């Protein structure tokens, strides 16, 4: 048995364990959360980030810096939502 065969067997075994154990993505899928919802949340977080940034431009003093940081914080949510969307899409295809 070659190294590639061993690696392939190990990978397929890991996939079987992941399918049987469920996990958080399966739990989200079972609750009824769809990939489209995660994609929409990612787009909404980008939009909310821009809104926060433009609102902050009108503020004076320390409030502007705080609003800028809040906009950056919200902007960091988007990749997480998009990754969840991809994972949920894969879960939907496997169901």
PDB file of N, CA and C in Angstrom:
ATOM      1  N   UNK A   1       0.857  -1.175   0.000  1.00  0.00           N
ATOM      2  CA  UNK A   1       0.000   0.000   0.000  1.00  0.00           C
ATOM      3  C   UNK A   1       0.903   1.238   0.000  1.00  0.00           C
ATOM      4  N   UNK A   2       0.641   2.146  -0.926  1.00  0.00           N
ATOM      5  CA  UNK A   2       1.478   3.337  -1.047  1.00  0.00           C
ATOM      6  C   UNK A   2       1.062   4.396  -0.031  1.00  0.00           C
ATOM      7  N   UNK A   3       1.875   5.405   0.044  1.00  0.00           N
ATOM      8  CA  UNK A   3       1.599   6.516   0.967  1.00  0.00           C
ATOM      9  C   UNK A   3       0.316   7.235   0.555  1.00  0.00           C
ATOM     10  N   UNK A   4       0.121   7.390  -0.747  1.00  0.00           N
ATOM     11  CA  UNK A   4      -1.096   8.054  -1.220  1.00  0.00           C
ATOM     12  C   UNK A   4      -2.347   7.271  -0.843  1.00  0.00           C
ATOM     13  N   UNK A   5      -2.278   5.944  -0.930  1.00  0.00           N
ATOM     14  CA  UNK A   5      -3.426   5.121  -0.540  1.00  0.00           C
ATOM     15  C   UNK A   5      -3.732   5.252   0.948  1.00  0.00           C
ATOM     16  N   UNK A   6      -2.666   5.271   1.757  1.00  0.00           N
ATOM     17  CA  UNK A   6      -2.853   5.424   3.205  1.00  0.00           C
ATOM     18  C   UNK A   6      -3.470   6.785   3.525  1.00  0.00           C
ATOM     19  N   UNK A   7      -2.978   7.823   2.843  1.00  0.00           N
ATOM     20  CA  UNK A   7      -3.512   9.169   3.076  1.00  0.00           C
ATOM     21  C   UNK A   7      -4.970   9.248   2.646  1.00  0.00           C
ATOM     22  N   UNK A   8      -5.292   8.610   1.523  1.00  0.00           N
ATOM     23  CA  UNK A   8      -6.670   8.611   1.039  1.00  0.00           C
ATOM     24  C   UNK A   8      -7.600   7.871   2.006  1.00  0.00           C
ATOM     25  N   UNK A   9      -7.128   6.732   2.528  1.00  0.00           N
ATOM     26  CA  UNK A   9      -7.926   5.990   3.506  1.00  0.00           C
ATOM     27  C   UNK A   9      -8.144   6.799   4.782  1.00  0.00           C
ATOM     28  N   UNK A  10      -7.093   7.487   5.238  1.00  0.00           N
ATOM     29  CA  UNK A  10      -7.203   8.303   6.442  1.00  0.00           C
ATOM     30  C   UNK A  10      -8.175   9.453   6.221  1.00  0.00           C
ATOM     31  N   UNK A  11      -8.117  10.077   5.040  1.00  0.00           N
ATOM     32  CA  UNK A  11      -9.013  11.192   4.736  1.00  0.00           C
ATOM     33  C   UNK A  11     -10.462  10.731   4.669  1.00  0.00           C
ATOM     34  N   UNK A  12     -10.714   9.594   4.026  1.00  0.00           N
ATOM     35  CA  UNK A  12     -12.092   9.106   3.940  1.00  0.00           C
ATOM     36  C   UNK A  12     -12.608   8.688   5.315  1.00  0.00           C
ATOM     37  N   UNK A  13     -11.731   8.148   6.163  1.00  0.00           N
ATOM     38  CA  UNK A  13     -12.132   7.814   7.528  1.00  0.00           C
ATOM     39  C   UNK A  13     -12.487   9.045   8.327  1.00  0.00           C
ATOM     40  N   UNK A  14     -11.707  10.115   8.139  1.00  0.00           N
ATOM     41  CA  UNK A  14     -11.987  11.372   8.839  1.00  0.00           C
ATOM     42  C   UNK A  14     -13.305  11.966   8.370  1.00  0.00           C
ATOM     43  N   UNK A  15     -13.587  11.848   7.083  1.00  0.00           N
ATOM     44  CA  UNK A  15     -14.863  12.356   6.563  1.00  0.00           C
ATOM     45  C   UNK A  15     -16.033  11.588   7.152  1.00  0.00           C
ATOM     46  N   UNK A  16     -15.886  10.270   7.273  1.00  0.00           N
ATOM     47  CA  UNK A  16     -16.951   9.460   7.856  1.00  0.00           C
ATOM     48  C   UNK A  16     -17.226   9.846   9.298  1.00  0.00           C
ATOM     49  N   UNK A  17     -16.171  10.066  10.072  1.00  0.00           N
ATOM     50  CA  UNK A  17     -16.330  10.475  11.471  1.00  0.00           C
ATOM     51  C   UNK A  17     -17.009  11.829  11.551  1.00  0.00           C
ATOM     52  N   UNK A  18     -16.612  12.752  10.684  1.00  0.00           N
ATOM     53  CA  UNK A  18     -17.208  14.088  10.697  1.00  0.00           C
ATOM     54  C   UNK A  18     -18.695  14.025  10.348  1.00  0.00           C
ATOM     55  N   UNK A  19     -19.054  13.165   9.393  1.00  0.00           N
ATOM     56  CA  UNK A  19     -20.469  13.043   9.016  1.00  0.00           C
ATOM     57  C   UNK A  19     -21.301  12.445  10.141  1.00  0.00           C
ATOM     58  N   UNK A  20     -20.742  11.469  10.840  1.00  0.00           N
ATOM     59  CA  UNK A  20     -21.486  10.796  11.902  1.00  0.00           C
ATOM     60  C   UNK A  20     -21.627  11.671  13.140  1.00  0.00           C
ATOM     61  N   UNK A  21     -20.590  12.449  13.451  1.00  0.00           N
ATOM     62  CA  UNK A  21     -20.627  13.239  14.675  1.00  0.00           C
ATOM     63  C   UNK A  21     -21.488  14.484  14.538  1.00  0.00           C
ATOM     64  N   UNK A  22     -21.772  14.897  13.325  1.00  0.00           N
ATOM     65  CA  UNK A  22     -22.593  16.089  13.138  1.00  0.00           C
ATOM     66  C   UNK A  22     -21.752  17.336  13.261  1.00  0.00           C
ATOM     67  N   UNK A  23     -21.716  17.915  14.408  1.00  0.00           N
ATOM     68  CA  UNK A  23     -20.936  19.117  14.635  1.00  0.00           C
ATOM     69  C   UNK A  23     -21.801  20.356  14.580  1.00  0.00           C
ATOM     70  N   UNK A  24     -21.166  21.509  14.748  1.00  0.00           N
ATOM     71  CA  UNK A  24     -21.928  22.754  14.811  1.00  0.00           C
ATOM     72  C   UNK A  24     -22.607  23.130  13.494  1.00  0.00           C
ATOM     73  N   UNK A  25     -21.990  22.788  12.369  1.00  0.00           N
ATOM     74  CA  UNK A  25     -22.611  23.121  11.087  1.00  0.00           C
ATOM     75  C   UNK A  25     -23.871  22.286  10.882  1.00  0.00           C
ATOM     76  N   UNK A  26     -23.799  21.013  11.232  1.00  0.00           N
ATOM     77  CA  UNK A  26     -24.996  20.164  11.142  1.00  0.00           C
ATOM     78  C   UNK A  26     -26.081  20.657  12.087  1.00  0.00           C
ATOM     79  N   UNK A  27     -25.678  21.106  13.262  1.00  0.00           N
ATOM     80  CA  UNK A  27     -26.657  21.629  14.212  1.00  0.00           C
ATOM     81  C   UNK A  27     -27.340  22.873  13.653  1.00  0.00           C
ATOM     82  N   UNK A  28     -26.572  23.784  13.044  1.00  0.00           N
ATOM     83  CA  UNK A  28     -27.169  24.973  12.432  1.00  0.00           C
ATOM     84  C   UNK A  28     -28.108  24.581  11.299  1.00  0.00           C
ATOM     85  N   UNK A  29     -27.679  23.615  10.505  1.00  0.00           N
ATOM     86  CA  UNK A  29     -28.509  23.143   9.389  1.00  0.00           C
ATOM     87  C   UNK A  29     -29.804  22.515   9.908  1.00  0.00           C
ATOM     88  N   UNK A  30     -29.713  21.730  10.960  1.00  0.00           N
ATOM     89  CA  UNK A  30     -30.895  21.069  11.519  1.00  0.00           C
ATOM     90  C   UNK A  30     -31.874  22.057  12.138  1.00  0.00           C
ATOM     91  N   UNK A  31     -31.372  23.184  12.634  1.00  0.00           N
ATOM     92  CA  UNK A  31     -32.240  24.208  13.212  1.00  0.00           C
ATOM     93  C   UNK A  31     -32.996  24.954  12.115  1.00  0.00           C
ATOM     94  N   UNK A  32     -32.465  24.909  10.889  1.00  0.00           N
ATOM     95  CA  UNK A  32     -33.150  25.567   9.776  1.00  0.00           C
ATOM     96  C   UNK A  32     -32.402  26.755   9.209  1.00  0.00           C
ATOM     97  N   UNK A  33     -31.184  26.968   9.634  1.00  0.00           N
ATOM     98  CA  UNK A  33     -30.382  28.069   9.091  1.00  0.00           C
ATOM     99  C   UNK A  33     -29.816  27.614   7.756  1.00  0.00           C
ATOM    100  N   UNK A  34     -30.066  28.403   6.717  1.00  0.00           N
ATOM    101  CA  UNK A  34     -29.627  28.058   5.371  1.00  0.00           C
ATOM    102  C   UNK A  34     -28.409  28.890   4.984  1.00  0.00           C
ATOM    103  N   UNK A  35     -27.714  28.444   3.971  1.00  0.00           N
ATOM    104  CA  UNK A  35     -26.516  29.145   3.511  1.00  0.00           C
ATOM    105  C   UNK A  35     -26.845  30.560   3.047  1.00  0.00           C
ATOM    106  N   UNK A  36     -28.011  30.738   2.455  1.00  0.00           N
ATOM    107  CA  UNK A  36     -28.397  32.066   1.974  1.00  0.00           C
ATOM    108  C   UNK A  36     -28.487  33.064   3.122  1.00  0.00           C
ATOM    109  N   UNK A  37     -28.910  32.597   4.294  1.00  0.00           N
ATOM    110  CA  UNK A  37     -28.996  33.489   5.450  1.00  0.00           C
ATOM    111  C   UNK A  37     -27.604  33.956   5.872  1.00  0.00           C
ATOM    112  N   UNK A  38     -26.637  33.051   5.841  1.00  0.00           N
ATOM    113  CA  UNK A  38     -25.271  33.414   6.220  1.00  0.00           C
ATOM    114  C   UNK A  38     -24.673  34.382   5.208  1.00  0.00           C
ATOM    115  N   UNK A  39     -24.930  34.146   3.908  1.00  0.00           N
ATOM    116  CA  UNK A  39     -24.434  35.074   2.883  1.00  0.00           C
ATOM    117  C   UNK A  39     -25.071  36.455   3.056  1.00  0.00           C
ATOM    118  N   UNK A  40     -26.355  36.478   3.339  1.00  0.00           N
ATOM    119  CA  UNK A  40     -27.049  37.755   3.545  1.00  0.00           C
ATOM    120  C   UNK A  40     -26.492  38.478   4.766  1.00  0.00           C
ATOM    121  N   UNK A  41     -26.183  37.730   5.825  1.00  0.00           N
ATOM    122  CA  UNK A  41     -25.605  38.352   7.017  1.00  0.00           C
ATOM    123  C   UNK A  41     -24.224  38.919   6.708  1.00  0.00           C
ATOM    124  N   UNK A  42     -23.445  38.238   5.868  1.00  0.00           N
ATOM    125  CA  UNK A  42     -22.134  38.761   5.474  1.00  0.00           C
ATOM    126  C   UNK A  42     -22.262  40.064   4.706  1.00  0.00           C
ATOM    127  N   UNK A  43     -23.189  40.102   3.759  1.00  0.00           N
ATOM    128  CA  UNK A  43     -23.405  41.337   3.002  1.00  0.00           C
ATOM    129  C   UNK A  43     -23.941  42.449   3.897  1.00  0.00           C
ATOM    130  N   UNK A  44     -24.820  42.095   4.825  1.00  0.00           N
ATOM    131  CA  UNK A  44     -25.361  43.094   5.751  1.00  0.00           C
ATOM    132  C   UNK A  44     -24.265  43.656   6.648  1.00  0.00           C
ATOM    133  N   UNK A  45     -23.326  42.814   7.067  1.00  0.00           N
ATOM    134  CA  UNK A  45     -22.247  43.316   7.929  1.00  0.00           C
ATOM    135  C   UNK A  45     -21.330  44.262   7.168  1.00  0.00           C
ATOM    136  N   UNK A  46     -21.129  44.005   5.871  1.00  0.00           N
ATOM    137  CA  UNK A  46     -20.334  44.931   5.061  1.00  0.00           C
ATOM    138  C   UNK A  46     -21.062  46.262   4.938  1.00  0.00           C
ATOM    139  N   UNK A  47     -22.355  46.204   4.656  1.00  0.00           N
ATOM    140  CA  UNK A  47     -23.148  47.433   4.539  1.00  0.00           C
ATOM    141  C   UNK A  47     -23.174  48.199   5.857  1.00  0.00           C
ATOM    142  N   UNK A  48     -23.363  47.486   6.956  1.00  0.00           N
ATOM    143  CA  UNK A  48     -23.381  48.134   8.267  1.00  0.00           C
ATOM    144  C   UNK A  48     -22.025  48.749   8.605  1.00  0.00           C
ATOM    145  N   UNK A  49     -20.963  48.111   8.162  1.00  0.00           N
ATOM    146  CA  UNK A  49     -19.629  48.651   8.377  1.00  0.00           C
ATOM    147  C   UNK A  49     -19.465  49.984   7.643  1.00  0.00           C
ATOM    148  N   UNK A  50     -19.912  50.033   6.380  1.00  0.00           N
ATOM    149  CA  UNK A  50     -19.835  51.286   5.617  1.00  0.00           C
ATOM    150  C   UNK A  50     -20.696  52.372   6.245  1.00  0.00           C
ATOM    151  N   UNK A  51     -21.893  52.012   6.665  1.00  0.00           N
ATOM    152  CA  UNK A  51     -22.775  52.992   7.305  1.00  0.00           C
ATOM    153  C   UNK A  51     -22.108  53.547   8.559  1.00  0.00           C
ATOM    154  N   UNK A  52     -21.537  52.672   9.364  1.00  0.00           N
ATOM    155  CA  UNK A  52     -20.864  53.111  10.586  1.00  0.00           C
ATOM    156  C   UNK A  52     -19.702  54.038  10.268  1.00  0.00           C
ATOM    157  N   UNK A  53     -18.964  53.717   9.217  1.00  0.00           N
ATOM    158  CA  UNK A  53     -17.826  54.555   8.831  1.00  0.00           C
ATOM    159  C   UNK A  53     -18.297  55.943   8.402  1.00  0.00           C
ATOM    160  N   UNK A  54     -19.318  56.005   7.535  1.00  0.00           N
ATOM    161  CA  UNK A  54     -19.770  57.302   7.046  1.00  0.00           C
ATOM    162  C   UNK A  54     -20.449  58.125   8.136  1.00  0.00           C
ATOM    163  N   UNK A  55     -21.115  57.477   9.070  1.00  0.00           N
ATOM    164  CA  UNK A  55     -21.694  58.197  10.197  1.00  0.00           C
ATOM    165  C   UNK A  55     -20.578  58.775  11.068  1.00  0.00           C
ATOM    166  N   UNK A  56     -19.495  58.024  11.202  1.00  0.00           N
ATOM    167  CA  UNK A  56     -18.391  58.476  12.052  1.00  0.00           C
ATOM    168  C   UNK A  56     -17.697  59.708  11.482  1.00  0.00           C
ATOM    169  N   UNK A  57     -17.759  59.884  10.176  1.00  0.00           N
ATOM    170  CA  UNK A  57     -17.099  61.039   9.568  1.00  0.00           C
ATOM    171  C   UNK A  57     -17.738  62.353  10.006  1.00  0.00           C
ATOM    172  N   UNK A  58     -18.981  62.315  10.410  1.00  0.00           N
ATOM    173  CA  UNK A  58     -19.666  63.527  10.833  1.00  0.00           C
ATOM    174  C   UNK A  58     -19.502  63.847  12.310  1.00  0.00           C
ATOM    175  N   UNK A  59     -18.870  62.961  13.046  1.00  0.00           N
ATOM    176  CA  UNK A  59     -18.722  63.169  14.489  1.00  0.00           C
ATOM    177  C   UNK A  59     -17.454  63.946  14.806  1.00  0.00           C
ATOM    178  N   UNK A  60     -17.453  64.586  15.939  1.00  0.00           N
ATOM    179  CA  UNK A  60     -16.294  65.367  16.400  1.00  0.00           C
ATOM    180  C   UNK A  60     -15.601  64.648  17.551  1.00  0.00           C
ATOM    181  N   UNK A  61     -14.325  64.849  17.683  1.00  0.00           N
ATOM    182  CA  UNK A  61     -13.577  64.379  18.842  1.00  0.00           C
ATOM    183  C   UNK A  61     -13.367  62.880  18.890  1.00  0.00           C
ATOM    184  N   UNK A  62     -13.387  62.342  20.119  1.00  0.00           N
ATOM    185  CA  UNK A  62     -13.109  60.928  20.352  1.00  0.00           C
ATOM    186  C   UNK A  62     -14.177  60.016  19.779  1.00  0.00           C
ATOM    187  N   UNK A  63     -15.391  60.514  19.633  1.00  0.00           N
ATOM    188  CA  UNK A  63     -16.468  59.684  19.109  1.00  0.00           C
ATOM    189  C   UNK A  63     -16.159  59.178  17.702  1.00  0.00           C
ATOM    190  N   UNK A  64     -15.450  59.992  16.910  1.00  0.00           N
ATOM    191  CA  UNK A  64     -15.123  59.582  15.548  1.00  0.00           C
ATOM    192  C   UNK A  64     -14.201  58.367  15.549  1.00  0.00           C
ATOM    193  N   UNK A  65     -13.191  58.375  16.377  1.00  0.00           N
ATOM    194  CA  UNK A  65     -12.270  57.236  16.429  1.00  0.00           C
ATOM    195  C   UNK A  65     -12.984  55.976  16.901  1.00  0.00           C
ATOM    196  N   UNK A  66     -13.849  56.132  17.872  1.00  0.00           N
ATOM    197  CA  UNK A  66     -14.594  54.978  18.376  1.00  0.00           C
ATOM    198  C   UNK A  66     -15.518  54.416  17.299  1.00  0.00           C
ATOM    199  N   UNK A  67     -16.168  55.282  16.555  1.00  0.00           N
ATOM    200  CA  UNK A  67     -17.056  54.822  15.492  1.00  0.00           C
ATOM    201  C   UNK A  67     -16.274  54.143  14.375  1.00  0.00           C
ATOM    202  N   UNK A  68     -15.076  54.650  14.072  1.00  0.00           N
ATOM    203  CA  UNK A  68     -14.234  54.002  13.065  1.00  0.00           C
ATOM    204  C   UNK A  68     -13.874  52.589  13.502  1.00  0.00           C
ATOM    205  N   UNK A  69     -13.503  52.437  14.755  1.00  0.00           N
ATOM    206  CA  UNK A  69     -13.159  51.102  15.261  1.00  0.00           C
ATOM    207  C   UNK A  69     -14.373  50.190  15.245  1.00  0.00           C
ATOM    208  N   UNK A  70     -15.553  50.725  15.553  1.00  0.00           N
ATOM    209  CA  UNK A  70     -16.769  49.924  15.517  1.00  0.00           C
ATOM    210  C   UNK A  70     -17.043  49.447  14.083  1.00  0.00           C
ATOM    211  N   UNK A  71     -16.838  50.321  13.101  1.00  0.00           N
ATOM    212  CA  UNK A  71     -17.023  49.941  11.709  1.00  0.00           C
ATOM    213  C   UNK A  71     -16.057  48.848  11.277  1.00  0.00           C
ATOM    214  N   UNK A  72     -14.817  48.931  11.716  1.00  0.00           N
ATOM    215  CA  UNK A  72     -13.837  47.892  11.393  1.00  0.00           C
ATOM    216  C   UNK A  72     -14.232  46.584  12.060  1.00  0.00           C
ATOM    217  N   UNK A  73     -14.680  46.650  13.302  1.00  0.00           N
ATOM    218  CA  UNK A  73     -15.102  45.452  14.026  1.00  0.00           C
ATOM    219  C   UNK A  73     -16.246  44.750  13.297  1.00  0.00           C
ATOM    220  N   UNK A  74     -17.241  45.509  12.882  1.00  0.00           N
ATOM    221  CA  UNK A  74     -18.379  44.931  12.167  1.00  0.00           C
ATOM    222  C   UNK A  74     -17.919  44.362  10.829  1.00  0.00           C
ATOM    223  N   UNK A  75     -16.982  45.034  10.172  1.00  0.00           N
ATOM    224  CA  UNK A  75     -16.461  44.552   8.899  1.00  0.00           C
ATOM    225  C   UNK A  75     -15.760  43.217   9.005  1.00  0.00           C
ATOM    226  N   UNK A  76     -15.231  42.909  10.172  1.00  0.00           N
ATOM    227  CA  UNK A  76     -14.561  41.617  10.366  1.00  0.00           C
ATOM    228  C   UNK A  76     -15.538  40.458  10.491  1.00  0.00           C
ATOM    229  N   UNK A  77     -16.813  40.730  10.653  1.00  0.00           N
ATOM    230  CA  UNK A  77     -17.805  39.656  10.740  1.00  0.00           C
ATOM    231  C   UNK A  77     -18.041  39.000   9.384  1.00  0.00           C
ATOM    232  N   UNK A  78     -17.883  39.763   8.307  1.00  0.00           N
ATOM    233  CA  UNK A  78     -18.241  39.272   6.970  1.00  0.00           C
ATOM    234  C   UNK A  78     -17.543  37.962   6.599  1.00  0.00           C
ATOM    235  N   UNK A  79     -16.214  37.833   6.764  1.00  0.00           N
ATOM    236  CA  UNK A  79     -15.593  36.562   6.372  1.00  0.00           C
ATOM    237  C   UNK A  79     -16.135  35.365   7.156  1.00  0.00           C
ATOM    238  N   UNK A  80     -16.470  35.586   8.418  1.00  0.00           N
ATOM    239  CA  UNK A  80     -17.028  34.497   9.220  1.00  0.00           C
ATOM    240  C   UNK A  80     -18.384  34.066   8.673  1.00  0.00           C
ATOM    241  N   UNK A  81     -19.228  35.038   8.351  1.00  0.00           N
ATOM    242  CA  UNK A  81     -20.534  34.702   7.795  1.00  0.00           C
ATOM    243  C   UNK A  81     -20.403  34.008   6.443  1.00  0.00           C
ATOM    244  N   UNK A  82     -19.474  34.472   5.606  1.00  0.00           N
ATOM    245  CA  UNK A  82     -19.291  33.837   4.302  1.00  0.00           C
ATOM    246  C   UNK A  82     -18.749  32.416   4.452  1.00  0.00           C
ATOM    247  N   UNK A  83     -17.842  32.208   5.394  1.00  0.00           N
ATOM    248  CA  UNK A  83     -17.329  30.850   5.645  1.00  0.00           C
ATOM    249  C   UNK A  83     -18.442  29.937   6.150  1.00  0.00           C
ATOM    250  N   UNK A  84     -19.279  30.450   7.030  1.00  0.00           N
ATOM    251  CA  UNK A  84     -20.437  29.665   7.486  1.00  0.00           C
ATOM    252  C   UNK A  84     -21.379  29.352   6.320  1.00  0.00           C
ATOM    253  N   UNK A  85     -21.544  30.310   5.427  1.00  0.00           N
ATOM    254  CA  UNK A  85     -22.385  30.082   4.260  1.00  0.00           C
ATOM    255  C   UNK A  85     -21.862  28.955   3.387  1.00  0.00           C
ATOM    256  N   UNK A  86     -20.556  28.931   3.172  1.00  0.00           N
ATOM    257  CA  UNK A  86     -19.957  27.865   2.371  1.00  0.00           C
ATOM    258  C   UNK A  86     -20.129  26.518   3.075  1.00  0.00           C
ATOM    259  N   UNK A  87     -19.873  26.492   4.366  1.00  0.00           N
ATOM    260  CA  UNK A  87     -20.012  25.242   5.123  1.00  0.00           C
ATOM    261  C   UNK A  87     -21.458  24.755   5.120  1.00  0.00           C
ATOM    262  N   UNK A  88     -22.395  25.667   5.281  1.00  0.00           N
ATOM    263  CA  UNK A  88     -23.805  25.284   5.252  1.00  0.00           C
ATOM    264  C   UNK A  88     -24.224  24.819   3.858  1.00  0.00           C
ATOM    265  N   UNK A  89     -23.672  25.431   2.818  1.00  0.00           N
ATOM    266  CA  UNK A  89     -23.984  25.012   1.453  1.00  0.00           C
ATOM    267  C   UNK A  89     -23.501  23.575   1.223  1.00  0.00           C
ATOM    268  N   UNK A  90     -22.307  23.261   1.700  1.00  0.00           N
ATOM    269  CA  UNK A  90     -21.796  21.901   1.592  1.00  0.00           C
ATOM    270  C   UNK A  90     -22.673  20.926   2.378  1.00  0.00           C
ATOM    271  N   UNK A  91     -23.132  21.349   3.548  1.00  0.00           N
ATOM    272  CA  UNK A  91     -24.018  20.509   4.358  1.00  0.00           C
ATOM    273  C   UNK A  91     -25.351  20.275   3.639  1.00  0.00           C
ATOM    274  N   UNK A  92     -25.854  21.312   2.987  1.00  0.00           N
ATOM    275  CA  UNK A  92     -27.108  21.182   2.248  1.00  0.00           C
ATOM    276  C   UNK A  92     -26.954  20.206   1.079  1.00  0.00           C
ATOM    277  N   UNK A  93     -25.816  20.254   0.409  1.00  0.00           N
ATOM    278  CA  UNK A  93     -25.584  19.358  -0.728  1.00  0.00           C
ATOM    279  C   UNK A  93     -25.414  17.916  -0.289  1.00  0.00           C
ATOM    280  N   UNK A  94     -24.860  17.694   0.917  1.00  0.00           N
ATOM    281  CA  UNK A  94     -24.644  16.340   1.418  1.00  0.00           C
ATOM    282  C   UNK A  94     -25.888  15.734   2.053  1.00  0.00           C
ATOM    283  N   UNK A  95     -26.889  16.561   2.333  1.00  0.00           N
ATOM    284  CA  UNK A  95     -28.116  16.053   2.986  1.00  0.00           C
ATOM    285  C   UNK A  95     -29.052  15.426   1.993  1.00  0.00           C
TER     286      UNK A  95
END
